[in-house]
Amino acid sequence: MLLINRTGRGVSQKERPPKVTTTKIRIVIRSFDHPFFENPFWGLPPYTRKIGLPESRVLYTVLRSPHIDKKSREQFEMEKRKKILVYTFYLRYKLSS
């Protein structure tokens, strides 16, 4: 099919590209380990987006001594990290469901 473009400079004809549909797959990843998200060797395609979600942090305080020295405490933390990976696929034909 030809696409006619009429501008002040004249008439130009272009071929319309074939109809392309896009499909997006969203994957939510949750992790307790920080280097899991920073690894560049995942082998992700270049058309993948990473969207950061809010991180949460839980802090636990434990007394070291059960009897005395309440000032002697130890703290532990647990971090939860979340990201969304969005894969975009360009398809010439519609997927059948």
Protein backbone atom coordinates (compact mmCIF):
# COMPACT_ATOMS: atom_id res chain seq x y z
CA MET A 1 0.00 0.00 0.00
CA LEU A 2 1.31 3.46 -0.83
CA LEU A 3 1.19 6.35 1.56
CA ILE A 4 0.87 9.76 -0.12
CA ASN A 5 2.37 12.72 1.71
CA ARG A 6 1.33 16.13 0.37
CA THR A 7 3.51 18.94 1.57
CA GLY A 8 4.31 22.39 0.26
CA ARG A 9 7.36 20.97 -1.49
CA GLY A 10 5.44 18.50 -3.62
CA VAL A 11 4.01 15.04 -3.43
CA SER A 12 6.09 12.16 -2.11
CA GLN A 13 5.06 8.54 -2.02
CA LYS A 14 6.26 6.08 0.58
CA GLU A 15 5.49 2.48 1.18
CA ARG A 16 3.71 1.88 4.42
CA PRO A 17 5.63 -0.49 6.69
CA PRO A 18 3.92 -3.77 7.57
CA LYS A 19 1.69 -3.64 10.62
CA VAL A 20 3.69 -4.49 13.73
CA THR A 21 2.12 -5.34 17.07
CA THR A 22 3.95 -5.12 20.36
CA THR A 23 3.64 -7.47 23.28
CA LYS A 24 4.94 -6.56 26.72
CA ILE A 25 5.78 -9.08 29.41
CA ARG A 26 6.24 -7.70 32.92
CA ILE A 27 8.16 -9.73 35.50
CA VAL A 28 8.39 -8.67 39.15
CA ILE A 29 11.62 -9.79 40.83
CA ARG A 30 12.04 -9.77 44.60
CA SER A 31 15.38 -10.37 46.26
CA PHE A 32 17.14 -10.15 49.60
CA ASP A 33 20.55 -10.07 47.91
CA HIS A 34 21.81 -6.76 46.51
CA PRO A 35 24.27 -8.05 43.83
CA PHE A 36 21.45 -9.97 42.17
CA PHE A 37 20.11 -6.75 40.63
CA GLU A 38 23.45 -5.22 39.76
CA ASN A 39 24.77 -8.15 37.70
CA PRO A 40 25.19 -6.93 34.08
CA PHE A 41 25.62 -10.49 32.78
CA TRP A 42 21.98 -11.50 32.88
CA GLY A 43 21.92 -11.74 29.12
CA LEU A 44 18.94 -9.41 28.86
CA PRO A 45 18.05 -8.14 25.39
CA PRO A 46 18.68 -4.43 24.75
CA TYR A 47 14.94 -3.69 24.54
CA THR A 48 14.40 -4.65 28.19
CA ARG A 49 13.64 -1.94 30.74
CA LYS A 50 14.33 -2.19 34.45
CA ILE A 51 11.93 -0.25 36.67
CA GLY A 52 12.87 0.15 40.31
CA LEU A 53 10.21 -0.28 42.98
CA PRO A 54 10.42 0.94 46.59
CA GLU A 55 12.80 -0.97 48.81
CA SER A 56 11.95 -1.94 52.37
CA ARG A 57 14.25 -2.41 55.33
CA VAL A 58 13.45 -4.15 58.62
CA LEU A 59 15.75 -3.56 61.60
CA TYR A 60 15.87 -6.01 64.54
CA THR A 61 17.52 -5.09 67.85
CA VAL A 62 18.60 -7.92 70.17
CA LEU A 63 20.05 -7.71 73.68
CA ARG A 64 23.43 -9.41 73.90
CA SER A 65 23.17 -10.30 77.55
CA PRO A 66 19.99 -11.78 79.03
CA HIS A 67 20.62 -10.44 82.56
CA ILE A 68 22.45 -7.11 82.67
CA ASP A 69 24.02 -4.54 80.34
CA LYS A 70 20.98 -3.35 78.50
CA LYS A 71 23.20 -0.89 76.65
CA SER A 72 24.97 -3.79 74.97
CA ARG A 73 22.75 -4.46 71.96
CA GLU A 74 23.19 -5.90 68.51
CA GLN A 75 21.25 -4.86 65.40
CA PHE A 76 20.39 -6.96 62.38
CA GLU A 77 18.73 -5.75 59.23
CA MET A 78 16.86 -7.39 56.39
CA GLU A 79 16.49 -5.54 53.09
CA LYS A 80 13.92 -6.43 50.47
CA ARG A 81 14.50 -5.19 46.94
CA LYS A 82 12.03 -5.24 44.08
CA LYS A 83 12.30 -4.48 40.38
CA ILE A 84 10.11 -4.92 37.35
CA LEU A 85 11.57 -6.17 34.09
CA VAL A 86 9.58 -5.18 31.01
CA TYR A 87 10.28 -7.19 27.87
CA THR A 88 8.92 -5.67 24.66
CA PHE A 89 8.49 -7.98 21.70
CA TYR A 90 7.67 -6.70 18.23
CA LEU A 91 5.51 -9.18 16.33
CA ARG A 92 4.27 -9.05 12.77
CA TYR A 93 1.40 -11.38 13.55
CA LYS A 94 -0.95 -11.35 16.50
CA LEU A 95 -0.51 -14.12 19.06
CA SER A 96 -3.48 -16.44 19.34
CA SER A 97 -4.82 -16.99 22.84
